Amino acid sequence: MEDRHDQEEIYSQRIKAGKRTYFFDVKATRGQDYYLTITESKRKLRDDDTFSYEKHKIFLYKEDFLKFVDALQDAVEYVREELLTPEEVAELDRPRPVYDHHPDGDAGFNPNRADDNY
């Protein structure tokens, strides 16, 4: 297994969603094998009134990208078509603000900065 410092981060996107933040990070190994990490970070209040972050991470390898996207799309379509009311679907379809997205990695979100609470 490669050391964390051997992984080159190529792209990062952060999505804030209430108490949760999702991070989508494209990385490459030294051998230029590409993979995606999807991290859910949830802010939790500790007993001493300080905060901690509970994190869950998925590693998705390039050979599984299409299967993953297809399954995700199918699951979302099922929820929209079979489980939600027309009002809930309309709420999902309303325009949303643009997310933090800086493919050049220089401006805005930096996953290596401590203040981003990654």
N, C-alpha and C. Protein backbone atom coordinates (compact mmCIF):
# COMPACT_ATOMS: atom_id res chain seq x y z
N MET A 1 0.84 -1.18 0.00
CA MET A 1 0.00 0.00 0.00
C MET A 1 0.88 1.24 0.00
N GLU A 2 0.47 2.25 -0.74
CA GLU A 2 1.29 3.43 -0.87
C GLU A 2 1.10 4.38 0.31
N ASP A 3 2.14 5.09 0.64
CA ASP A 3 2.11 6.11 1.67
C ASP A 3 1.21 7.24 1.21
N ARG A 4 0.52 7.88 2.14
CA ARG A 4 -0.40 8.96 1.80
C ARG A 4 0.29 10.06 0.99
N HIS A 5 1.56 10.32 1.25
CA HIS A 5 2.28 11.38 0.56
C HIS A 5 2.62 11.01 -0.87
N ASP A 6 2.48 9.74 -1.23
CA ASP A 6 2.75 9.30 -2.60
C ASP A 6 1.55 9.51 -3.51
N GLN A 7 0.42 9.91 -2.97
CA GLN A 7 -0.79 10.08 -3.74
C GLN A 7 -0.88 11.52 -4.23
N GLU A 8 -0.99 11.70 -5.53
CA GLU A 8 -1.12 13.03 -6.09
C GLU A 8 -2.60 13.37 -6.20
N GLU A 9 -3.02 14.48 -5.59
CA GLU A 9 -4.39 14.92 -5.71
C GLU A 9 -4.52 15.79 -6.95
N ILE A 10 -5.49 15.46 -7.79
CA ILE A 10 -5.65 16.10 -9.09
C ILE A 10 -6.84 17.04 -9.11
N TYR A 11 -7.88 16.71 -8.38
CA TYR A 11 -9.14 17.45 -8.44
C TYR A 11 -9.82 17.29 -7.10
N SER A 12 -10.52 18.34 -6.66
CA SER A 12 -11.25 18.24 -5.41
C SER A 12 -12.50 19.10 -5.49
N GLN A 13 -13.58 18.58 -4.93
CA GLN A 13 -14.83 19.32 -4.86
C GLN A 13 -15.45 19.07 -3.50
N ARG A 14 -15.94 20.15 -2.88
CA ARG A 14 -16.58 20.06 -1.56
C ARG A 14 -18.03 20.45 -1.69
N ILE A 15 -18.91 19.67 -1.05
CA ILE A 15 -20.33 19.97 -1.03
C ILE A 15 -20.76 20.04 0.43
N LYS A 16 -21.22 21.21 0.84
CA LYS A 16 -21.74 21.37 2.20
C LYS A 16 -23.22 21.03 2.19
N ALA A 17 -23.64 20.25 3.19
CA ALA A 17 -25.03 19.81 3.27
C ALA A 17 -25.43 19.75 4.74
N GLY A 18 -25.82 20.87 5.30
CA GLY A 18 -26.20 20.91 6.71
C GLY A 18 -25.01 20.61 7.60
N LYS A 19 -25.16 19.62 8.49
CA LYS A 19 -24.07 19.23 9.39
C LYS A 19 -23.03 18.36 8.70
N ARG A 20 -23.33 17.97 7.48
CA ARG A 20 -22.41 17.10 6.73
C ARG A 20 -21.70 17.89 5.64
N THR A 21 -20.51 17.44 5.33
CA THR A 21 -19.77 17.94 4.17
C THR A 21 -19.26 16.73 3.42
N TYR A 22 -19.43 16.77 2.10
CA TYR A 22 -18.95 15.69 1.25
C TYR A 22 -17.76 16.20 0.44
N PHE A 23 -16.73 15.36 0.35
CA PHE A 23 -15.54 15.70 -0.42
C PHE A 23 -15.39 14.66 -1.52
N PHE A 24 -15.19 15.13 -2.73
CA PHE A 24 -14.92 14.28 -3.88
C PHE A 24 -13.51 14.61 -4.34
N ASP A 25 -12.59 13.69 -4.17
CA ASP A 25 -11.19 13.92 -4.48
C ASP A 25 -10.69 12.90 -5.49
N VAL A 26 -10.16 13.38 -6.61
CA VAL A 26 -9.54 12.50 -7.59
C VAL A 26 -8.05 12.48 -7.29
N LYS A 27 -7.49 11.29 -7.21
CA LYS A 27 -6.08 11.13 -6.88
C LYS A 27 -5.44 10.17 -7.86
N ALA A 28 -4.11 10.20 -7.87
CA ALA A 28 -3.35 9.29 -8.72
C ALA A 28 -2.22 8.69 -7.89
N THR A 29 -1.95 7.44 -8.16
CA THR A 29 -0.79 6.80 -7.54
C THR A 29 0.44 7.18 -8.34
N ARG A 30 1.60 6.78 -7.85
CA ARG A 30 2.84 7.04 -8.59
C ARG A 30 2.81 6.43 -9.98
N GLY A 31 2.10 5.33 -10.12
CA GLY A 31 1.97 4.67 -11.42
C GLY A 31 0.88 5.25 -12.29
N GLN A 32 0.31 6.38 -11.90
CA GLN A 32 -0.75 7.07 -12.62
C GLN A 32 -2.02 6.23 -12.76
N ASP A 33 -2.34 5.45 -11.73
CA ASP A 33 -3.64 4.81 -11.64
C ASP A 33 -4.55 5.79 -10.91
N TYR A 34 -5.68 6.11 -11.50
CA TYR A 34 -6.57 7.12 -10.95
C TYR A 34 -7.67 6.48 -10.12
N TYR A 35 -8.03 7.16 -9.08
CA TYR A 35 -9.14 6.71 -8.23
C TYR A 35 -9.79 7.92 -7.59
N LEU A 36 -10.97 7.70 -7.06
CA LEU A 36 -11.77 8.74 -6.44
C LEU A 36 -11.99 8.37 -4.99
N THR A 37 -11.84 9.34 -4.10
CA THR A 37 -12.27 9.11 -2.73
C THR A 37 -13.47 10.00 -2.49
N ILE A 38 -14.49 9.44 -1.88
CA ILE A 38 -15.69 10.18 -1.48
C ILE A 38 -15.71 10.12 0.05
N THR A 39 -15.65 11.28 0.66
CA THR A 39 -15.61 11.35 2.12
C THR A 39 -16.82 12.12 2.63
N GLU A 40 -17.49 11.53 3.60
CA GLU A 40 -18.55 12.22 4.33
C GLU A 40 -17.95 12.63 5.66
N SER A 41 -18.02 13.90 5.98
CA SER A 41 -17.52 14.41 7.26
C SER A 41 -18.71 15.03 7.98
N LYS A 42 -18.95 14.56 9.20
CA LYS A 42 -20.10 15.04 9.98
C LYS A 42 -19.61 15.63 11.29
N ARG A 43 -20.02 16.85 11.56
CA ARG A 43 -19.63 17.55 12.78
C ARG A 43 -20.44 17.01 13.96
N LYS A 44 -19.74 16.66 15.03
CA LYS A 44 -20.38 16.12 16.25
C LYS A 44 -19.97 16.96 17.45
N LEU A 45 -20.91 17.19 18.34
CA LEU A 45 -20.63 17.90 19.58
C LEU A 45 -20.21 16.90 20.64
N ARG A 46 -19.05 17.15 21.24
CA ARG A 46 -18.55 16.29 22.30
C ARG A 46 -19.17 16.69 23.63
N ASP A 47 -18.99 15.85 24.64
CA ASP A 47 -19.51 16.12 25.98
C ASP A 47 -18.92 17.39 26.59
N ASP A 48 -17.69 17.76 26.18
CA ASP A 48 -17.04 18.95 26.73
C ASP A 48 -17.32 20.20 25.90
N ASP A 49 -18.38 20.15 25.07
CA ASP A 49 -18.82 21.27 24.22
C ASP A 49 -17.83 21.67 23.13
N THR A 50 -16.90 20.79 22.79
CA THR A 50 -16.04 21.01 21.63
C THR A 50 -16.57 20.13 20.50
N PHE A 51 -16.06 20.37 19.32
CA PHE A 51 -16.54 19.62 18.16
C PHE A 51 -15.49 18.63 17.68
N SER A 52 -15.97 17.53 17.16
CA SER A 52 -15.11 16.56 16.48
C SER A 52 -15.78 16.27 15.14
N TYR A 53 -15.09 15.57 14.28
CA TYR A 53 -15.62 15.23 12.97
C TYR A 53 -15.56 13.73 12.76
N GLU A 54 -16.72 13.16 12.49
CA GLU A 54 -16.83 11.74 12.18
C GLU A 54 -16.72 11.62 10.67
N LYS A 55 -15.83 10.77 10.19
CA LYS A 55 -15.59 10.66 8.75
C LYS A 55 -15.81 9.23 8.26
N HIS A 56 -16.40 9.15 7.08
CA HIS A 56 -16.57 7.88 6.39
C HIS A 56 -16.05 8.07 4.97
N LYS A 57 -15.27 7.11 4.50
CA LYS A 57 -14.62 7.28 3.21
C LYS A 57 -14.84 6.05 2.33
N ILE A 58 -15.07 6.31 1.05
CA ILE A 58 -15.18 5.27 0.03
C ILE A 58 -14.05 5.50 -0.98
N PHE A 59 -13.36 4.44 -1.32
CA PHE A 59 -12.35 4.49 -2.38
C PHE A 59 -12.98 3.85 -3.61
N LEU A 60 -13.01 4.59 -4.70
CA LEU A 60 -13.62 4.10 -5.93
C LEU A 60 -12.55 4.10 -7.02
N TYR A 61 -12.26 2.92 -7.53
CA TYR A 61 -11.19 2.77 -8.50
C TYR A 61 -11.71 2.94 -9.92
N LYS A 62 -10.84 3.42 -10.82
CA LYS A 62 -11.26 3.82 -12.17
C LYS A 62 -12.03 2.73 -12.91
N GLU A 63 -11.68 1.49 -12.70
CA GLU A 63 -12.38 0.41 -13.42
C GLU A 63 -13.83 0.23 -12.96
N ASP A 64 -14.18 0.85 -11.83
CA ASP A 64 -15.54 0.74 -11.30
C ASP A 64 -16.36 2.02 -11.47
N PHE A 65 -15.78 3.08 -12.04
CA PHE A 65 -16.47 4.37 -12.15
C PHE A 65 -17.84 4.23 -12.82
N LEU A 66 -17.89 3.63 -14.00
CA LEU A 66 -19.15 3.57 -14.74
C LEU A 66 -20.20 2.74 -14.02
N LYS A 67 -19.79 1.61 -13.44
CA LYS A 67 -20.75 0.78 -12.69
C LYS A 67 -21.31 1.55 -11.50
N PHE A 68 -20.44 2.29 -10.82
CA PHE A 68 -20.86 3.07 -9.66
C PHE A 68 -21.85 4.16 -10.07
N VAL A 69 -21.51 4.92 -11.11
CA VAL A 69 -22.37 6.00 -11.58
C VAL A 69 -23.72 5.45 -12.03
N ASP A 70 -23.71 4.33 -12.76
CA ASP A 70 -24.97 3.72 -13.21
C ASP A 70 -25.84 3.29 -12.02
N ALA A 71 -25.24 2.66 -11.03
CA ALA A 71 -26.00 2.21 -9.86
C ALA A 71 -26.52 3.40 -9.06
N LEU A 72 -25.71 4.44 -8.92
CA LEU A 72 -26.16 5.64 -8.21
C LEU A 72 -27.32 6.30 -8.94
N GLN A 73 -27.20 6.43 -10.25
CA GLN A 73 -28.28 7.02 -11.06
C GLN A 73 -29.56 6.19 -10.92
N ASP A 74 -29.45 4.87 -11.00
CA ASP A 74 -30.62 4.00 -10.84
C ASP A 74 -31.28 4.18 -9.48
N ALA A 75 -30.48 4.25 -8.43
CA ALA A 75 -31.03 4.41 -7.09
C ALA A 75 -31.72 5.76 -6.92
N VAL A 76 -31.10 6.82 -7.44
CA VAL A 76 -31.71 8.16 -7.35
C VAL A 76 -33.01 8.20 -8.15
N GLU A 77 -33.02 7.63 -9.35
CA GLU A 77 -34.24 7.60 -10.16
C GLU A 77 -35.34 6.81 -9.46
N TYR A 78 -34.98 5.71 -8.82
CA TYR A 78 -35.98 4.91 -8.09
C TYR A 78 -36.61 5.74 -6.97
N VAL A 79 -35.78 6.41 -6.20
CA VAL A 79 -36.31 7.24 -5.10
C VAL A 79 -37.22 8.32 -5.66
N ARG A 80 -36.77 9.03 -6.70
CA ARG A 80 -37.56 10.11 -7.30
C ARG A 80 -38.90 9.61 -7.85
N GLU A 81 -38.85 8.49 -8.56
CA GLU A 81 -40.04 8.02 -9.26
C GLU A 81 -40.99 7.18 -8.41
N GLU A 82 -40.47 6.47 -7.43
CA GLU A 82 -41.28 5.52 -6.68
C GLU A 82 -41.59 5.96 -5.24
N LEU A 83 -40.75 6.79 -4.66
CA LEU A 83 -40.89 7.07 -3.23
C LEU A 83 -41.26 8.51 -2.88
N LEU A 84 -40.89 9.46 -3.71
CA LEU A 84 -41.12 10.87 -3.39
C LEU A 84 -42.44 11.37 -3.94
N THR A 85 -42.99 12.35 -3.27
CA THR A 85 -44.19 13.02 -3.76
C THR A 85 -43.78 14.01 -4.86
N PRO A 86 -44.71 14.46 -5.68
CA PRO A 86 -44.38 15.47 -6.69
C PRO A 86 -43.77 16.75 -6.07
N GLU A 87 -44.23 17.11 -4.89
CA GLU A 87 -43.70 18.30 -4.21
C GLU A 87 -42.24 18.09 -3.81
N GLU A 88 -41.91 16.90 -3.33
CA GLU A 88 -40.52 16.60 -2.96
C GLU A 88 -39.61 16.59 -4.18
N VAL A 89 -40.11 16.06 -5.29
CA VAL A 89 -39.33 16.06 -6.53
C VAL A 89 -39.10 17.50 -6.99
N ALA A 90 -40.14 18.34 -6.91
CA ALA A 90 -40.00 19.75 -7.31
C ALA A 90 -38.96 20.45 -6.44
N GLU A 91 -38.92 20.14 -5.15
CA GLU A 91 -37.92 20.73 -4.26
C GLU A 91 -36.51 20.29 -4.66
N LEU A 92 -36.35 19.04 -5.03
CA LEU A 92 -35.05 18.56 -5.48
C LEU A 92 -34.61 19.23 -6.78
N ASP A 93 -35.58 19.58 -7.63
CA ASP A 93 -35.27 20.15 -8.94
C ASP A 93 -35.06 21.66 -8.92
N ARG A 94 -35.31 22.32 -7.80
CA ARG A 94 -35.15 23.79 -7.77
C ARG A 94 -33.67 24.15 -7.89
N PRO A 95 -33.38 25.31 -8.46
CA PRO A 95 -31.97 25.72 -8.64
C PRO A 95 -31.23 25.80 -7.31
N ARG A 96 -29.97 25.43 -7.33
CA ARG A 96 -29.11 25.42 -6.15
C ARG A 96 -27.92 26.34 -6.39
N PRO A 97 -27.30 26.81 -5.30
CA PRO A 97 -26.08 27.63 -5.47
C PRO A 97 -24.93 26.79 -6.00
N VAL A 98 -23.97 27.43 -6.59
CA VAL A 98 -22.78 26.77 -7.11
C VAL A 98 -21.92 26.32 -5.93
N TYR A 99 -21.32 25.11 -6.04
CA TYR A 99 -20.47 24.57 -4.98
C TYR A 99 -19.04 25.06 -5.13
N ASP A 100 -18.27 24.92 -4.05
CA ASP A 100 -16.83 25.23 -4.10
C ASP A 100 -16.19 24.28 -5.09
N HIS A 101 -15.65 24.80 -6.16
CA HIS A 101 -15.04 23.93 -7.17
C HIS A 101 -13.84 24.66 -7.76
N HIS A 102 -12.68 24.17 -7.46
CA HIS A 102 -11.45 24.79 -7.93
C HIS A 102 -10.52 23.72 -8.48
N PRO A 103 -10.70 23.35 -9.77
CA PRO A 103 -9.87 22.29 -10.32
C PRO A 103 -8.38 22.62 -10.36
N ASP A 104 -8.03 23.92 -10.33
CA ASP A 104 -6.61 24.25 -10.36
C ASP A 104 -5.95 24.06 -9.01
N GLY A 105 -6.74 23.90 -7.95
CA GLY A 105 -6.21 23.60 -6.63
C GLY A 105 -5.56 24.77 -5.93
N ASP A 106 -5.43 25.94 -6.59
CA ASP A 106 -4.75 27.07 -5.97
C ASP A 106 -5.70 27.96 -5.18
N ALA A 107 -6.90 28.16 -5.68
CA ALA A 107 -7.82 29.09 -5.04
C ALA A 107 -8.88 28.33 -4.27
N GLY A 108 -9.43 28.98 -3.25
CA GLY A 108 -10.55 28.42 -2.52
C GLY A 108 -10.19 27.22 -1.67
N PHE A 109 -10.98 26.19 -1.76
CA PHE A 109 -10.85 25.00 -0.93
C PHE A 109 -9.51 24.30 -1.13
N ASN A 110 -8.87 24.00 -0.03
CA ASN A 110 -7.63 23.21 -0.05
C ASN A 110 -7.79 22.09 0.95
N PRO A 111 -7.89 20.83 0.50
CA PRO A 111 -8.14 19.72 1.43
C PRO A 111 -6.99 19.48 2.40
N ASN A 112 -5.86 20.10 2.16
CA ASN A 112 -4.72 19.90 3.06
C ASN A 112 -4.63 20.98 4.14
N ARG A 113 -5.50 21.97 4.08
CA ARG A 113 -5.50 23.02 5.09
C ARG A 113 -6.27 22.54 6.32
N ALA A 114 -5.74 22.80 7.48
CA ALA A 114 -6.38 22.36 8.72
C ALA A 114 -7.70 23.08 8.96
N ASP A 115 -7.85 24.31 8.50
CA ASP A 115 -9.08 25.06 8.76
C ASP A 115 -10.25 24.61 7.93
N ASP A 116 -10.06 23.68 6.97
CA ASP A 116 -11.17 23.16 6.20
C ASP A 116 -11.86 21.99 6.94
N ASN A 117 -11.34 21.60 8.09
CA ASN A 117 -11.96 20.55 8.92
C ASN A 117 -12.28 19.30 8.13
N TYR A 118 -11.36 18.86 7.35
CA TYR A 118 -11.52 17.71 6.48
C TYR A 118 -11.62 16.49 7.32
